[in-house]
């Protein structure tokens, strides 16, 4: 049900949009920190080549994916797992996130567990182009349908099609608390939808500029959360007040639609998750609809998501008091 914005900030944001104020320069304040770049002496994980995963959930499509294997991975010890939607954007070593460097640094310092990370792109037909930094796939793949729909079809891609491949190749923990999933924009709501339908497999969600808006009904999630039994999901939401603010591109009248206001809907998500007692954290910045703000925040988001992974603390042992070297078979 549509309603007019009641919060003074939302009214002000709509007025700014109506006046044509550009929010782009505010993104310049967000810069990558030391956790997001490579450092001498820090063991670097290996990233496999891109592969194509055929899909039965979406017949005729395939999903490009590759796998980050940390230098500390030892087959004798089950690794944790994290999956990133729009994988090419998160993995790009010259991009806004540079997830492989984040993983290298945080694993080395034992701030997150040793984990296998998978970077997967939305489904496409064999004749459609591979996603790029300028075109994530909205106009050239199945991204809009897969990521923005609230049904369980995309969850089947991840759980029924991707996970069996990973389990055959790597020693990955089967515990859902050891599995996380994340993404940006439509990839973020896709990540939440996977955990929502399959908390038996994924219990940690990382969301940046999440599209919890009415593209394919995503604005319904707050009501669904309140109406459903609480699920064992931990969620970190990140968004900026200059995200898309409810005026559709090309609308000459610049009508404000709260169901298409990304930041307002992220606020609604936070409120619903909080009221229902979820383990939730958030960061509201000044960024717009891109990954600049996320690039500065993802290392801390990762630390919070994985803050309680099992670690022994024996004051008489150096087992967890040293940097985690390559090839270490020590438990997390």
Foldseek 3Di string as FASTA:
>chain_A
DFDDDDDPLLVVLLVCVVVVDDLAVVLVVFDFDPLQADDPPQFFWDKDDWDWFADPLDHQWTKIKIKTAGLQADQVAAAFEEEEELQCQCCPCPHLANVRSNLSRCCQLVLFDRYMYMRIYAIAHPPFDDADPVGSDPPTGCLLVQQQALDCSVLCCVPVGVVVVVVVPGRHDQAQLSYEYEYEASRQSNRVSNCVVPVRRHAEYEYELYQCAVPPNSLCVLVVLQVDQDGNHEYEYEYEPAEAAAFDPPDPSRDRTNRRGSVSSSVSVVVSCVVNPYNYHYYYHHDYRDCSNVNHCVSVVSSVSRVPDDDDDDVVDCLSVHGRDGRHPRGD
